[in-house]
C-alpha cells in the first residue's frame, strides 16, 4: 500500500509538471520563451524512471532530497501557470520566489554534499 501511494505521488507530481508547462507552451503563452518550459518537462521526464526504480527496489531513502525537489518543481510550475492566467501581487510573488530559491539551493547543496561524502566512502 505504501509503495502504491509513493508511486502515485511521483506520478501526480510529474503529471502536474508536464501539464502545467505544456499549457504554458501552447495555450497560455504570452509570447514568452518556451525553452525553459521544455527544460522543466525534460527534467521531470528524465528523473521519473529513476524515482520509480527506487520505489520498486525500496530505496526511497536515496531519493528523499530529489523527491522534495520534484514536489517543489510541481508547486512552482502550478504557481507560474496561475501567474500567467491572473498575476499575483508582488507581495505574494516575492516571498514565494525567495523561499523557493532558498529551498532549492538548500536541497541542491545537501544533495551534492551527500554525493561527495558517498564518493569519499567508496
Protein backbone atom coordinates (compact mmCIF):
# COMPACT_ATOMS: atom_id res chain seq x y z
CA UNK A 1 0.00 0.00 0.00
CA UNK A 2 2.81 2.41 0.88
CA UNK A 3 4.62 1.69 -2.40
CA UNK A 4 1.47 2.41 -4.40
CA UNK A 5 0.97 5.70 -2.54
CA UNK A 6 4.57 6.75 -3.15
CA UNK A 7 4.34 5.82 -6.82
CA UNK A 8 1.11 7.72 -7.22
CA UNK A 9 2.60 10.84 -5.62
CA UNK A 10 5.52 10.79 -8.09
CA UNK A 11 3.14 10.18 -10.98
CA UNK A 12 0.89 13.06 -9.88
CA UNK A 13 3.82 15.48 -9.41
CA UNK A 14 5.32 14.56 -12.77
CA UNK A 15 1.94 14.85 -14.50
CA UNK A 16 1.32 18.27 -12.91
CA UNK A 17 4.72 19.48 -14.08
CA UNK A 18 4.15 18.25 -17.63
CA UNK A 19 0.57 19.56 -17.86
CA UNK A 20 1.37 22.99 -16.37
CA UNK A 21 4.43 23.54 -18.55
CA UNK A 22 2.66 22.12 -21.61
CA UNK A 23 -0.15 24.62 -21.11
CA UNK A 24 2.37 27.44 -20.72
CA UNK A 25 3.97 26.42 -24.02
CA UNK A 26 0.79 26.15 -26.04
CA UNK A 27 -2.46 27.56 -24.68
CA UNK A 28 -1.29 30.18 -22.17
CA UNK A 29 1.75 31.54 -23.98
CA UNK A 30 2.09 35.31 -23.72
CA UNK A 31 4.90 35.45 -26.24
CA UNK A 32 7.41 34.25 -23.67
CA UNK A 33 10.29 31.87 -24.16
CA UNK A 34 9.37 28.18 -24.47
CA UNK A 35 12.81 26.73 -23.80
CA UNK A 36 12.57 26.95 -20.00
CA UNK A 37 9.25 25.08 -20.03
CA UNK A 38 10.70 22.39 -22.30
CA UNK A 39 13.69 22.09 -19.98
CA UNK A 40 11.44 21.60 -16.94
CA UNK A 41 9.41 18.94 -18.79
CA UNK A 42 12.60 17.15 -19.88
CA UNK A 43 13.96 17.26 -16.33
CA UNK A 44 10.76 15.75 -14.92
CA UNK A 45 10.71 13.02 -17.56
CA UNK A 46 14.39 12.28 -17.02
CA UNK A 47 14.03 11.88 -13.24
CA UNK A 48 10.73 9.97 -13.28
CA UNK A 49 12.08 6.48 -14.20
CA UNK A 50 14.76 6.76 -11.52
CA UNK A 51 12.16 7.60 -8.90
CA UNK A 52 10.02 4.63 -9.89
CA UNK A 53 13.06 2.33 -9.84
CA UNK A 54 13.99 3.50 -6.34
CA UNK A 55 10.44 2.90 -5.10
CA UNK A 56 10.25 -0.57 -6.65
CA UNK A 57 13.56 -1.52 -5.04
CA UNK A 58 12.57 0.02 -1.69
CA UNK A 59 15.44 2.51 -1.81
CA UNK A 60 13.42 5.67 -1.25
CA UNK A 61 15.88 6.96 1.33
CA UNK A 62 18.31 7.50 -1.57
CA UNK A 63 15.96 9.91 -3.34
CA UNK A 64 14.43 11.77 -0.42
CA UNK A 65 16.07 15.08 -1.36
CA UNK A 66 15.34 14.66 -5.04
CA UNK A 67 11.69 13.89 -4.36
CA UNK A 68 11.46 17.10 -2.35
CA UNK A 69 12.82 18.97 -5.37
CA UNK A 70 10.26 17.28 -7.61
CA UNK A 71 7.45 18.40 -5.31
CA UNK A 72 8.87 21.94 -5.23
CA UNK A 73 9.13 21.93 -9.01
CA UNK A 74 5.48 20.88 -9.30
CA UNK A 75 4.35 23.65 -6.95
CA UNK A 76 6.41 26.26 -8.80
CA UNK A 77 5.09 25.09 -12.18
CA UNK A 78 1.50 25.41 -10.97
CA UNK A 79 2.24 28.84 -9.50
CA UNK A 80 3.84 30.01 -12.77
CA UNK A 81 0.78 28.79 -14.65
CA UNK A 82 -1.58 30.63 -12.30
CA UNK A 83 0.60 33.74 -12.58
CA UNK A 84 0.27 33.69 -16.36
CA UNK A 85 -3.52 33.46 -16.12
CA UNK A 86 -4.04 36.03 -13.36
CA UNK A 87 -0.86 37.58 -11.91
CA UNK A 88 -0.40 37.59 -8.16
CA UNK A 89 0.66 40.83 -6.48
CA UNK A 90 4.37 41.35 -5.87
CA UNK A 91 3.80 40.99 -2.13
CA UNK A 92 2.92 37.33 -2.77
CA UNK A 93 5.33 36.57 -5.60
CA UNK A 94 8.49 37.92 -3.98
CA UNK A 95 8.39 35.90 -0.72
CA UNK A 96 7.35 32.74 -2.55
CA UNK A 97 10.18 33.16 -5.06
CA UNK A 98 12.69 33.78 -2.26
CA UNK A 99 11.53 30.73 -0.28
CA UNK A 100 11.58 28.57 -3.41
CA UNK A 101 15.07 29.78 -4.31
CA UNK A 102 16.29 29.16 -0.77
CA UNK A 103 14.76 25.68 -0.56
CA UNK A 104 16.09 24.72 -3.97
CA UNK A 105 19.57 25.91 -3.07
CA UNK A 106 19.45 24.12 0.29
CA UNK A 107 18.27 20.85 -1.23
CA UNK A 108 20.83 21.00 -4.05
CA UNK A 109 23.69 21.71 -1.64
CA UNK A 110 22.53 18.87 0.63
CA UNK A 111 22.33 16.51 -2.35
CA UNK A 112 25.79 17.49 -3.58
CA UNK A 113 27.23 17.12 -0.07
CA UNK A 114 25.65 13.67 0.22
CA UNK A 115 27.05 12.69 -3.17
CA UNK A 116 30.55 13.91 -2.25
CA UNK A 117 30.51 12.11 1.11
CA UNK A 118 29.30 8.92 -0.56
CA UNK A 119 32.11 9.12 -3.13
CA UNK A 120 34.68 9.61 -0.38
CA UNK A 121 33.43 6.50 1.44
CA UNK A 122 33.68 4.39 -1.71
